[in-house]
Every structure is written in C-alpha cells, then in structure tokens.
Amino acid sequence: MRRRLLRLSLILLPALPAAAYAGPEVRIEQHGDVFVVQAETIVATDAALAWQVLTDYNHLADFVPDMRVSRVVSAAGRPVQVEQKGDAGFLFFKFAVEVVLDIEETPPRRLGFRAIRGNMRQMRGEWRIDNAAGGIRLVYAAELEPSFWVPPLIGPAVMRHDIARQFESVAQEISRRQAALTAQPTTHSAK
C-alpha cells in the first residue's frame, strides 16, 4: 500500500524538464524585527517569459501557495499598485498578511516593490531577472518587518519555509509555461 501511494504521488507531481529548474537557494537573516531575505535559482527560460509570470499580478494567487488575493488596484495609466492577501506561518502559527504594494517595473529585468498599506511595518525589495548559462537567474531580495507578532525562536524558520515555497512556485510556474511553449508544435508554411 505504501509503495502504491508513493508511485501515485510521483505520477501526480507536475512534469518539469529535468534541466528546466533547480531548487531555490533561500537565505534569511533577522536583524531585530526585520527579516532580510535573499532567494535565487536558475530557470531554463528567457527573460521575457519570466517577466510575464512576475507581472501576471491578477493571477499570482492561482499558483502561489497561501496567497488568497492578488489584484491590480491602481487605475489604468497610473503607477502599478497591487493588493495581496494571504497567510504566513508554520504548524500552529498562522498570520494573515495583507498589503498594497507600489510596483516599479523596469522591463524585462527588475521589478521593485514596497508596501504602502497593510499589516507589514516594512516590506520592500525586488525581483531580478539576470542572464545565466542555460537560462535566467531569478532573484528575490527583500526586507520584511511584520507589524504582527512573530515567535522569536522560530520566526526565521517560518519565514524561510513560506518564502521558499512561494519562490519555488513562481519558478515552477515559469518552467511550466516554458514547457508548454516548447511542447507547442511549430507550423511550417507550404510552398
């Protein structure tokens, strides 16, 4: 029975090309109440596709774990502002996170953000798309200071767990979309 469940779980895992995505490297440092986050990984894709996923603001909640809402709240033609709501936590410690982010887009390489409303005292950082052998290097760097209580002994572990899951889901979505593009048959015009 156990082997059957293991085989079934392996079958149900999303199929990714073997070299398309390597797991992320995530580092968290805590300085007082501020968490300094650095995450990066290599993804076999181009900057345009990675940019498309990062700026798919109204659909991030479809593939980022624990994100319930992500939607553009700014008017057309205005600087991009995105409302996001989700949950953070580990085991018995759960926290609701609600922010409105002011987004600074520098296509297709950098997406800066800072919280202008919500329950984060400070939330600012960036997503970067750098060139790398075989694809792009996806980088997330941020300073996060929750306005809610985070257990001091497990705070960095909770933060690392959540950020690793969310960062990994973004990288996997990029790989999924790349695999879908690669699988599309090319059409040749007849002469």
N, C-alpha and C. Protein backbone atom coordinates (compact mmCIF):
# COMPACT_ATOMS: atom_id res chain seq x y z
N MET A 1 0.84 -1.19 0.00
CA MET A 1 0.00 0.00 0.00
C MET A 1 0.88 1.25 0.00
N ARG A 2 1.92 1.26 0.81
CA ARG A 2 2.81 2.41 0.91
C ARG A 2 3.51 2.68 -0.42
N ARG A 3 3.96 1.61 -1.09
CA ARG A 3 4.61 1.76 -2.39
C ARG A 3 3.64 2.32 -3.43
N ARG A 4 2.41 1.86 -3.35
CA ARG A 4 1.39 2.33 -4.28
C ARG A 4 1.16 3.83 -4.10
N LEU A 5 1.10 4.29 -2.87
CA LEU A 5 0.91 5.71 -2.60
C LEU A 5 2.10 6.51 -3.09
N LEU A 6 3.30 5.98 -2.89
CA LEU A 6 4.50 6.67 -3.35
C LEU A 6 4.49 6.78 -4.88
N ARG A 7 4.17 5.68 -5.55
CA ARG A 7 4.10 5.72 -7.01
C ARG A 7 3.04 6.70 -7.50
N LEU A 8 1.89 6.69 -6.85
CA LEU A 8 0.81 7.60 -7.22
C LEU A 8 1.24 9.05 -7.02
N SER A 9 1.91 9.34 -5.91
CA SER A 9 2.35 10.72 -5.66
C SER A 9 3.38 11.15 -6.69
N LEU A 10 4.25 10.23 -7.13
CA LEU A 10 5.23 10.58 -8.16
C LEU A 10 4.56 10.84 -9.50
N ILE A 11 3.51 10.11 -9.79
CA ILE A 11 2.77 10.30 -11.04
C ILE A 11 2.07 11.66 -11.03
N LEU A 12 1.55 12.06 -9.89
CA LEU A 12 0.78 13.29 -9.80
C LEU A 12 1.63 14.54 -9.73
N LEU A 13 2.94 14.41 -9.50
CA LEU A 13 3.80 15.58 -9.48
C LEU A 13 3.82 16.24 -10.85
N PRO A 14 3.87 17.59 -10.89
CA PRO A 14 3.92 18.24 -12.20
C PRO A 14 5.19 17.85 -12.93
N ALA A 15 5.05 17.60 -14.22
CA ALA A 15 6.20 17.20 -15.03
C ALA A 15 6.99 18.43 -15.43
N LEU A 16 8.27 18.46 -15.10
CA LEU A 16 9.17 19.55 -15.50
C LEU A 16 10.34 18.94 -16.23
N PRO A 17 10.81 19.59 -17.27
CA PRO A 17 12.01 19.09 -17.92
C PRO A 17 13.14 19.01 -16.89
N ALA A 18 13.96 18.00 -16.98
CA ALA A 18 14.99 17.75 -15.97
C ALA A 18 15.89 18.95 -15.73
N ALA A 19 16.32 19.64 -16.77
CA ALA A 19 17.24 20.75 -16.58
C ALA A 19 16.52 22.10 -16.52
N ALA A 20 15.19 22.12 -16.51
CA ALA A 20 14.45 23.37 -16.59
C ALA A 20 14.53 24.18 -15.31
N TYR A 21 14.66 23.51 -14.18
CA TYR A 21 14.55 24.23 -12.93
C TYR A 21 15.32 23.50 -11.83
N ALA A 22 16.16 24.22 -11.12
CA ALA A 22 16.86 23.66 -9.96
C ALA A 22 16.26 24.34 -8.73
N GLY A 23 16.14 23.60 -7.64
CA GLY A 23 15.55 24.14 -6.43
C GLY A 23 16.20 25.45 -5.99
N PRO A 24 15.45 26.29 -5.28
CA PRO A 24 15.96 27.60 -4.91
C PRO A 24 16.94 27.55 -3.74
N GLU A 25 17.79 28.55 -3.69
CA GLU A 25 18.64 28.79 -2.54
C GLU A 25 18.01 29.97 -1.81
N VAL A 26 17.64 29.78 -0.54
CA VAL A 26 16.96 30.82 0.23
C VAL A 26 17.76 31.09 1.50
N ARG A 27 18.07 32.37 1.72
CA ARG A 27 18.77 32.79 2.93
C ARG A 27 17.93 33.83 3.67
N ILE A 28 17.83 33.68 4.99
CA ILE A 28 17.09 34.61 5.83
C ILE A 28 18.00 35.03 6.97
N GLU A 29 18.09 36.32 7.19
CA GLU A 29 18.78 36.85 8.37
C GLU A 29 17.79 37.71 9.12
N GLN A 30 17.87 37.68 10.44
CA GLN A 30 16.99 38.51 11.24
C GLN A 30 17.83 39.56 11.96
N HIS A 31 17.44 40.82 11.78
CA HIS A 31 18.09 41.95 12.44
C HIS A 31 17.01 42.67 13.24
N GLY A 32 16.91 42.35 14.52
CA GLY A 32 15.80 42.90 15.32
C GLY A 32 14.50 42.32 14.82
N ASP A 33 13.58 43.19 14.42
CA ASP A 33 12.28 42.74 13.90
C ASP A 33 12.27 42.62 12.38
N VAL A 34 13.38 42.93 11.73
CA VAL A 34 13.45 42.94 10.27
C VAL A 34 14.08 41.63 9.77
N PHE A 35 13.41 41.02 8.80
CA PHE A 35 13.92 39.82 8.16
C PHE A 35 14.50 40.24 6.80
N VAL A 36 15.75 39.90 6.56
CA VAL A 36 16.40 40.18 5.29
C VAL A 36 16.43 38.87 4.51
N VAL A 37 15.83 38.90 3.33
CA VAL A 37 15.61 37.70 2.55
C VAL A 37 16.38 37.78 1.24
N GLN A 38 16.99 36.67 0.86
CA GLN A 38 17.64 36.55 -0.45
C GLN A 38 17.32 35.15 -0.96
N ALA A 39 16.72 35.08 -2.16
CA ALA A 39 16.40 33.78 -2.76
C ALA A 39 16.79 33.85 -4.22
N GLU A 40 17.30 32.75 -4.74
CA GLU A 40 17.65 32.72 -6.16
C GLU A 40 17.67 31.29 -6.67
N THR A 41 17.50 31.19 -7.98
CA THR A 41 17.56 29.91 -8.66
C THR A 41 17.78 30.16 -10.15
N ILE A 42 18.16 29.11 -10.85
CA ILE A 42 18.33 29.17 -12.30
C ILE A 42 17.11 28.50 -12.94
N VAL A 43 16.55 29.14 -13.97
CA VAL A 43 15.41 28.58 -14.69
C VAL A 43 15.75 28.60 -16.18
N ALA A 44 15.50 27.49 -16.86
CA ALA A 44 15.78 27.38 -18.29
C ALA A 44 14.66 28.05 -19.08
N THR A 45 14.79 29.35 -19.23
CA THR A 45 13.81 30.14 -19.98
C THR A 45 14.48 31.44 -20.38
N ASP A 46 13.71 32.34 -20.96
CA ASP A 46 14.25 33.66 -21.29
C ASP A 46 13.63 34.72 -20.38
N ALA A 47 14.20 35.92 -20.41
CA ALA A 47 13.75 37.00 -19.54
C ALA A 47 12.31 37.39 -19.83
N ALA A 48 11.89 37.35 -21.09
CA ALA A 48 10.53 37.77 -21.45
C ALA A 48 9.48 36.89 -20.77
N LEU A 49 9.69 35.58 -20.77
CA LEU A 49 8.71 34.69 -20.15
C LEU A 49 8.71 34.84 -18.63
N ALA A 50 9.89 34.95 -18.03
CA ALA A 50 9.97 35.16 -16.58
C ALA A 50 9.26 36.46 -16.20
N TRP A 51 9.47 37.50 -16.99
CA TRP A 51 8.82 38.79 -16.74
C TRP A 51 7.30 38.65 -16.83
N GLN A 52 6.84 37.90 -17.81
CA GLN A 52 5.40 37.67 -17.99
C GLN A 52 4.78 37.05 -16.73
N VAL A 53 5.48 36.08 -16.13
CA VAL A 53 4.96 35.43 -14.93
C VAL A 53 4.99 36.40 -13.75
N LEU A 54 6.10 37.09 -13.55
CA LEU A 54 6.21 38.01 -12.41
C LEU A 54 5.18 39.13 -12.45
N THR A 55 4.81 39.57 -13.64
CA THR A 55 3.87 40.68 -13.76
C THR A 55 2.44 40.22 -14.02
N ASP A 56 2.17 38.96 -13.85
CA ASP A 56 0.81 38.41 -14.00
C ASP A 56 0.07 38.62 -12.68
N TYR A 57 0.02 39.88 -12.24
CA TYR A 57 -0.46 40.24 -10.90
C TYR A 57 -1.83 39.67 -10.56
N ASN A 58 -2.75 39.71 -11.51
CA ASN A 58 -4.12 39.26 -11.23
C ASN A 58 -4.26 37.74 -11.16
N HIS A 59 -3.19 37.01 -11.47
CA HIS A 59 -3.26 35.54 -11.43
C HIS A 59 -2.23 34.91 -10.49
N LEU A 60 -1.47 35.71 -9.77
CA LEU A 60 -0.46 35.14 -8.86
C LEU A 60 -1.09 34.20 -7.84
N ALA A 61 -2.28 34.53 -7.35
CA ALA A 61 -2.93 33.68 -6.35
C ALA A 61 -3.30 32.31 -6.92
N ASP A 62 -3.31 32.18 -8.24
CA ASP A 62 -3.61 30.88 -8.86
C ASP A 62 -2.47 29.88 -8.68
N PHE A 63 -1.23 30.36 -8.50
CA PHE A 63 -0.12 29.42 -8.40
C PHE A 63 0.83 29.67 -7.23
N VAL A 64 0.64 30.73 -6.47
CA VAL A 64 1.48 30.97 -5.30
C VAL A 64 0.75 30.44 -4.07
N PRO A 65 1.36 29.48 -3.35
CA PRO A 65 0.69 28.89 -2.19
C PRO A 65 0.40 29.93 -1.11
N ASP A 66 -0.73 29.77 -0.47
CA ASP A 66 -1.16 30.60 0.65
C ASP A 66 -1.51 32.03 0.25
N MET A 67 -1.48 32.36 -1.03
CA MET A 67 -1.93 33.68 -1.47
C MET A 67 -3.39 33.54 -1.88
N ARG A 68 -4.25 34.29 -1.20
CA ARG A 68 -5.69 34.23 -1.49
C ARG A 68 -6.11 35.25 -2.54
N VAL A 69 -5.48 36.42 -2.53
CA VAL A 69 -5.86 37.51 -3.42
C VAL A 69 -4.61 38.17 -3.96
N SER A 70 -4.60 38.45 -5.24
CA SER A 70 -3.59 39.31 -5.86
C SER A 70 -4.28 40.00 -7.01
N ARG A 71 -4.37 41.34 -6.93
CA ARG A 71 -5.07 42.06 -7.98
C ARG A 71 -4.54 43.48 -8.08
N VAL A 72 -4.52 43.98 -9.30
CA VAL A 72 -4.12 45.36 -9.55
C VAL A 72 -5.24 46.25 -9.05
N VAL A 73 -4.90 47.26 -8.23
CA VAL A 73 -5.91 48.17 -7.69
C VAL A 73 -5.71 49.60 -8.19
N SER A 74 -4.67 49.85 -8.96
CA SER A 74 -4.44 51.19 -9.50
C SER A 74 -5.22 51.37 -10.80
N ALA A 75 -5.51 52.62 -11.12
CA ALA A 75 -6.22 52.93 -12.36
C ALA A 75 -5.27 52.76 -13.54
N ALA A 76 -5.84 52.50 -14.70
CA ALA A 76 -5.05 52.36 -15.93
C ALA A 76 -4.24 53.63 -16.16
N GLY A 77 -3.00 53.47 -16.58
CA GLY A 77 -2.14 54.61 -16.85
C GLY A 77 -1.45 55.17 -15.62
N ARG A 78 -1.76 54.68 -14.46
CA ARG A 78 -1.14 55.13 -13.21
C ARG A 78 -0.05 54.13 -12.82
N PRO A 79 0.85 54.53 -11.89
CA PRO A 79 1.83 53.54 -11.40
C PRO A 79 1.10 52.30 -10.85
N VAL A 80 1.69 51.14 -11.06
CA VAL A 80 1.04 49.89 -10.68
C VAL A 80 1.02 49.73 -9.16
N GLN A 81 -0.17 49.48 -8.65
CA GLN A 81 -0.35 49.12 -7.24
C GLN A 81 -1.12 47.81 -7.20
N VAL A 82 -0.62 46.88 -6.38
CA VAL A 82 -1.19 45.54 -6.31
C VAL A 82 -1.56 45.22 -4.88
N GLU A 83 -2.80 44.79 -4.69
CA GLU A 83 -3.25 44.33 -3.37
C GLU A 83 -3.02 42.83 -3.30
N GLN A 84 -2.42 42.40 -2.19
CA GLN A 84 -2.22 40.97 -1.97
C GLN A 84 -2.65 40.60 -0.56
N LYS A 85 -3.32 39.45 -0.46
CA LYS A 85 -3.74 38.92 0.83
C LYS A 85 -3.38 37.44 0.85
N GLY A 86 -2.88 37.02 1.98
CA GLY A 86 -2.52 35.62 2.10
C GLY A 86 -2.25 35.24 3.53
N ASP A 87 -1.69 34.08 3.70
CA ASP A 87 -1.38 33.57 5.03
C ASP A 87 0.10 33.22 5.09
N ALA A 88 0.67 33.44 6.24
CA ALA A 88 2.04 33.02 6.51
C ALA A 88 2.01 32.19 7.77
N GLY A 89 2.96 31.31 7.92
CA GLY A 89 3.00 30.55 9.16
C GLY A 89 3.51 29.15 8.96
N PHE A 90 3.57 28.47 10.08
CA PHE A 90 4.14 27.14 10.12
C PHE A 90 3.51 26.42 11.30
N LEU A 91 3.04 25.21 11.08
CA LEU A 91 2.40 24.41 12.11
C LEU A 91 1.24 25.18 12.73
N PHE A 92 1.33 25.51 14.03
CA PHE A 92 0.22 26.16 14.73
C PHE A 92 0.26 27.68 14.61
N PHE A 93 1.32 28.23 14.07
CA PHE A 93 1.47 29.68 13.98
C PHE A 93 1.03 30.14 12.59
N LYS A 94 -0.11 30.81 12.52
CA LYS A 94 -0.62 31.33 11.25
C LYS A 94 -0.87 32.83 11.39
N PHE A 95 -0.52 33.56 10.34
CA PHE A 95 -0.67 35.01 10.34
C PHE A 95 -1.30 35.42 9.01
N ALA A 96 -2.27 36.32 9.08
CA ALA A 96 -2.83 36.89 7.85
C ALA A 96 -1.92 38.03 7.43
N VAL A 97 -1.57 38.05 6.15
CA VAL A 97 -0.74 39.13 5.60
C VAL A 97 -1.58 39.85 4.56
N GLU A 98 -1.70 41.17 4.72
CA GLU A 98 -2.46 41.99 3.79
C GLU A 98 -1.64 43.22 3.48
N VAL A 99 -1.36 43.43 2.19
CA VAL A 99 -0.57 44.59 1.77
C VAL A 99 -1.08 45.16 0.46
N VAL A 100 -0.79 46.43 0.26
CA VAL A 100 -0.90 47.04 -1.06
C VAL A 100 0.51 47.45 -1.41
N LEU A 101 0.99 46.94 -2.54
CA LEU A 101 2.36 47.19 -2.97
C LEU A 101 2.40 48.22 -4.09
N ASP A 102 3.34 49.13 -3.98
CA ASP A 102 3.65 50.06 -5.04
C ASP A 102 4.74 49.39 -5.87
N ILE A 103 4.49 49.18 -7.16
CA ILE A 103 5.40 48.41 -8.01
C ILE A 103 6.14 49.35 -8.96
N GLU A 104 7.43 49.15 -9.07
CA GLU A 104 8.25 49.89 -10.03
C GLU A 104 8.79 48.88 -11.04
N GLU A 105 8.30 48.95 -12.26
CA GLU A 105 8.68 47.99 -13.29
C GLU A 105 9.79 48.55 -14.18
N THR A 106 10.83 47.76 -14.37
CA THR A 106 11.89 48.05 -15.33
C THR A 106 12.02 46.82 -16.23
N PRO A 107 11.12 46.71 -17.24
CA PRO A 107 11.08 45.51 -18.07
C PRO A 107 12.36 45.31 -18.86
N PRO A 108 12.76 44.10 -19.10
CA PRO A 108 12.28 42.85 -18.51
C PRO A 108 13.23 42.34 -17.42
N ARG A 109 13.85 43.22 -16.68
CA ARG A 109 14.91 42.78 -15.76
C ARG A 109 14.65 43.01 -14.27
N ARG A 110 13.86 44.03 -13.89
CA ARG A 110 13.72 44.34 -12.47
C ARG A 110 12.31 44.78 -12.15
N LEU A 111 11.81 44.25 -11.05
CA LEU A 111 10.51 44.63 -10.54
C LEU A 111 10.72 45.00 -9.07
N GLY A 112 10.69 46.29 -8.75
CA GLY A 112 10.84 46.73 -7.36
C GLY A 112 9.47 46.86 -6.71
N PHE A 113 9.42 46.70 -5.40
CA PHE A 113 8.14 46.82 -4.69
C PHE A 113 8.36 47.38 -3.29
N ARG A 114 7.32 48.05 -2.79
CA ARG A 114 7.31 48.49 -1.40
C ARG A 114 5.86 48.57 -0.95
N ALA A 115 5.63 48.15 0.29
CA ALA A 115 4.28 48.20 0.84
C ALA A 115 3.92 49.64 1.17
N ILE A 116 2.73 50.05 0.77
CA ILE A 116 2.26 51.40 1.11
C ILE A 116 1.07 51.34 2.05
N ARG A 117 0.46 50.16 2.20
CA ARG A 117 -0.61 49.93 3.17
C ARG A 117 -0.58 48.47 3.57
N GLY A 118 -1.19 48.19 4.71
CA GLY A 118 -1.32 46.81 5.13
C GLY A 118 -0.72 46.56 6.50
N ASN A 119 -0.56 45.27 6.81
CA ASN A 119 -0.09 44.91 8.14
C ASN A 119 1.39 44.51 8.16
N MET A 120 2.14 45.06 7.23
CA MET A 120 3.60 44.92 7.28
C MET A 120 4.16 46.31 7.57
N ARG A 121 4.89 46.42 8.66
CA ARG A 121 5.50 47.70 9.00
C ARG A 121 6.46 48.14 7.90
N GLN A 122 7.15 47.15 7.33
CA GLN A 122 8.06 47.42 6.23
C GLN A 122 8.07 46.19 5.31
N MET A 123 7.99 46.45 4.04
CA MET A 123 8.09 45.38 3.04
C MET A 123 8.57 46.05 1.77
N ARG A 124 9.84 45.84 1.47
CA ARG A 124 10.38 46.43 0.25
C ARG A 124 11.44 45.49 -0.29
N GLY A 125 11.57 45.53 -1.60
CA GLY A 125 12.56 44.66 -2.21
C GLY A 125 12.43 44.65 -3.72
N GLU A 126 12.91 43.57 -4.30
CA GLU A 126 12.90 43.47 -5.76
C GLU A 126 12.94 42.02 -6.21
N TRP A 127 12.44 41.82 -7.42
CA TRP A 127 12.64 40.61 -8.21
C TRP A 127 13.58 41.03 -9.32
N ARG A 128 14.61 40.23 -9.58
CA ARG A 128 15.52 40.49 -10.69
C ARG A 128 15.60 39.28 -11.59
N ILE A 129 15.79 39.56 -12.87
CA ILE A 129 15.97 38.51 -13.86
C ILE A 129 17.33 38.78 -14.50
N ASP A 130 18.32 37.95 -14.16
CA ASP A 130 19.67 38.10 -14.68
C ASP A 130 19.96 36.99 -15.68
N ASN A 131 20.84 37.24 -16.62
CA ASN A 131 21.27 36.20 -17.55
C ASN A 131 22.09 35.16 -16.81
N ALA A 132 21.96 33.91 -17.23
CA ALA A 132 22.73 32.81 -16.66
C ALA A 132 22.92 31.76 -17.74
N ALA A 133 23.92 30.93 -17.56
CA ALA A 133 24.15 29.83 -18.51
C ALA A 133 22.92 28.94 -18.54
N GLY A 134 22.37 28.74 -19.71
CA GLY A 134 21.22 27.85 -19.86
C GLY A 134 19.88 28.48 -19.52
N GLY A 135 19.84 29.78 -19.28
CA GLY A 135 18.55 30.39 -18.96
C GLY A 135 18.71 31.72 -18.24
N ILE A 136 17.93 31.86 -17.18
CA ILE A 136 17.98 33.09 -16.38
C ILE A 136 18.20 32.73 -14.91
N ARG A 137 18.74 33.69 -14.19
CA ARG A 137 18.83 33.58 -12.73
C ARG A 137 17.71 34.45 -12.18
N LEU A 138 16.79 33.84 -11.47
CA LEU A 138 15.68 34.54 -10.84
C LEU A 138 16.09 34.87 -9.41
N VAL A 139 16.02 36.15 -9.05
CA VAL A 139 16.47 36.61 -7.74
C VAL A 139 15.35 37.37 -7.05
N TYR A 140 15.16 37.08 -5.76
CA TYR A 140 14.22 37.81 -4.92
C TYR A 140 15.01 38.30 -3.72
N ALA A 141 14.96 39.60 -3.47
CA ALA A 141 15.64 40.19 -2.31
C ALA A 141 14.66 41.13 -1.63
N ALA A 142 14.54 41.04 -0.31
CA ALA A 142 13.56 41.87 0.39
C ALA A 142 13.94 42.09 1.84
N GLU A 143 13.40 43.17 2.38
CA GLU A 143 13.44 43.44 3.82
C GLU A 143 12.00 43.44 4.27
N LEU A 144 11.68 42.59 5.24
CA LEU A 144 10.32 42.41 5.71
C LEU A 144 10.25 42.63 7.22
N GLU A 145 9.33 43.48 7.63
CA GLU A 145 9.12 43.71 9.05
C GLU A 145 7.62 43.64 9.32
N PRO A 146 7.15 42.52 9.84
CA PRO A 146 5.72 42.40 10.12
C PRO A 146 5.31 43.32 11.26
N SER A 147 4.05 43.77 11.22
CA SER A 147 3.54 44.55 12.34
C SER A 147 2.84 43.63 13.34
N PHE A 148 2.78 42.35 13.04
CA PHE A 148 2.21 41.36 13.94
C PHE A 148 3.34 40.57 14.61
N TRP A 149 3.01 39.93 15.72
CA TRP A 149 4.00 39.19 16.49
C TRP A 149 4.44 37.93 15.74
N VAL A 150 5.75 37.73 15.66
CA VAL A 150 6.32 36.52 15.07
C VAL A 150 7.12 35.84 16.18
N PRO A 151 6.87 34.56 16.45
CA PRO A 151 7.60 33.87 17.52
C PRO A 151 9.11 34.01 17.33
N PRO A 152 9.83 34.55 18.32
CA PRO A 152 11.24 34.85 18.12
C PRO A 152 12.14 33.65 17.82
N LEU A 153 11.89 32.52 18.42
CA LEU A 153 12.77 31.38 18.21
C LEU A 153 12.56 30.69 16.87
N ILE A 154 11.34 30.74 16.36
CA ILE A 154 11.08 30.04 15.10
C ILE A 154 10.78 31.00 13.94
N GLY A 155 10.79 32.29 14.19
CA GLY A 155 10.47 33.28 13.16
C GLY A 155 11.26 33.09 11.87
N PRO A 156 12.61 33.01 11.94
CA PRO A 156 13.37 32.82 10.70
C PRO A 156 13.02 31.51 9.97
N ALA A 157 12.76 30.45 10.72
CA ALA A 157 12.39 29.17 10.09
C ALA A 157 11.03 29.28 9.40
N VAL A 158 10.07 29.95 10.06
CA VAL A 158 8.75 30.16 9.48
C VAL A 158 8.88 30.97 8.19
N MET A 159 9.62 32.07 8.27
CA MET A 159 9.80 32.94 7.11
C MET A 159 10.49 32.19 5.97
N ARG A 160 11.53 31.43 6.29
CA ARG A 160 12.26 30.69 5.26
C ARG A 160 11.34 29.66 4.58
N HIS A 161 10.57 28.95 5.37
CA HIS A 161 9.65 27.94 4.85
C HIS A 161 8.66 28.57 3.87
N ASP A 162 8.01 29.65 4.29
CA ASP A 162 7.00 30.29 3.45
C ASP A 162 7.61 30.89 2.19
N ILE A 163 8.71 31.60 2.33
CA ILE A 163 9.32 32.25 1.17
C ILE A 163 9.85 31.20 0.20
N ALA A 164 10.45 30.14 0.71
CA ALA A 164 10.94 29.07 -0.17
C ALA A 164 9.80 28.46 -0.97
N ARG A 165 8.66 28.18 -0.33
CA ARG A 165 7.50 27.61 -1.04
C ARG A 165 6.97 28.56 -2.10
N GLN A 166 6.86 29.84 -1.75
CA GLN A 166 6.29 30.79 -2.69
C GLN A 166 7.26 31.08 -3.84
N PHE A 167 8.53 31.25 -3.52
CA PHE A 167 9.53 31.50 -4.55
C PHE A 167 9.59 30.30 -5.50
N GLU A 168 9.60 29.12 -4.94
CA GLU A 168 9.66 27.91 -5.75
C GLU A 168 8.43 27.79 -6.66
N SER A 169 7.27 28.19 -6.16
CA SER A 169 6.07 28.11 -7.01
C SER A 169 6.15 29.07 -8.19
N VAL A 170 6.76 30.23 -8.00
CA VAL A 170 6.94 31.17 -9.11
C VAL A 170 7.89 30.57 -10.14
N ALA A 171 9.01 30.02 -9.68
CA ALA A 171 9.98 29.40 -10.59
C ALA A 171 9.35 28.21 -11.33
N GLN A 172 8.54 27.43 -10.64
CA GLN A 172 7.88 26.29 -11.29
C GLN A 172 6.85 26.74 -12.31
N GLU A 173 6.16 27.85 -12.02
CA GLU A 173 5.19 28.37 -13.00
C GLU A 173 5.92 28.84 -14.26
N ILE A 174 7.08 29.48 -14.08
CA ILE A 174 7.87 29.89 -15.24
C ILE A 174 8.26 28.65 -16.05
N SER A 175 8.73 27.62 -15.38
CA SER A 175 9.11 26.37 -16.06
C SER A 175 7.91 25.70 -16.72
N ARG A 176 6.78 25.73 -16.05
CA ARG A 176 5.56 25.13 -16.62
C ARG A 176 5.18 25.83 -17.91
N ARG A 177 5.21 27.16 -17.89
CA ARG A 177 4.85 27.92 -19.10
C ARG A 177 5.88 27.71 -20.20
N GLN A 178 7.16 27.59 -19.83
CA GLN A 178 8.20 27.32 -20.83
C GLN A 178 7.98 25.96 -21.46
N ALA A 179 7.67 24.95 -20.64
CA ALA A 179 7.43 23.61 -21.16
C ALA A 179 6.22 23.61 -22.09
N ALA A 180 5.18 24.38 -21.76
CA ALA A 180 4.00 24.46 -22.62
C ALA A 180 4.35 25.10 -23.96
N LEU A 181 5.19 26.13 -23.94
CA LEU A 181 5.62 26.77 -25.19
C LEU A 181 6.46 25.81 -26.03
N THR A 182 7.37 25.08 -25.37
CA THR A 182 8.25 24.15 -26.06
C THR A 182 7.46 23.00 -26.68
N ALA A 183 6.37 22.60 -26.01
CA ALA A 183 5.57 21.48 -26.49
C ALA A 183 4.67 21.86 -27.65
N GLN A 184 4.45 23.15 -27.88
CA GLN A 184 3.60 23.57 -28.98
C GLN A 184 4.26 23.21 -30.30
N PRO A 185 3.49 22.57 -31.18
CA PRO A 185 4.06 22.22 -32.49
C PRO A 185 4.31 23.48 -33.31
N THR A 186 5.40 23.48 -34.02
CA THR A 186 5.68 24.61 -34.92
C THR A 186 5.05 24.32 -36.26
N THR A 187 4.52 25.33 -36.87
CA THR A 187 3.89 25.14 -38.16
C THR A 187 4.79 25.74 -39.24
N HIS A 188 4.91 25.04 -40.32
CA HIS A 188 5.70 25.49 -41.46
C HIS A 188 4.74 25.75 -42.61
N SER A 189 4.91 26.87 -43.25
CA SER A 189 4.02 27.16 -44.38
C SER A 189 4.46 26.34 -45.60
N ALA A 190 3.48 25.85 -46.32
CA ALA A 190 3.76 25.05 -47.53
C ALA A 190 4.01 26.01 -48.69
N LYS A 191 4.95 25.65 -49.55
CA LYS A 191 5.27 26.49 -50.72
C LYS A 191 4.86 25.80 -51.98
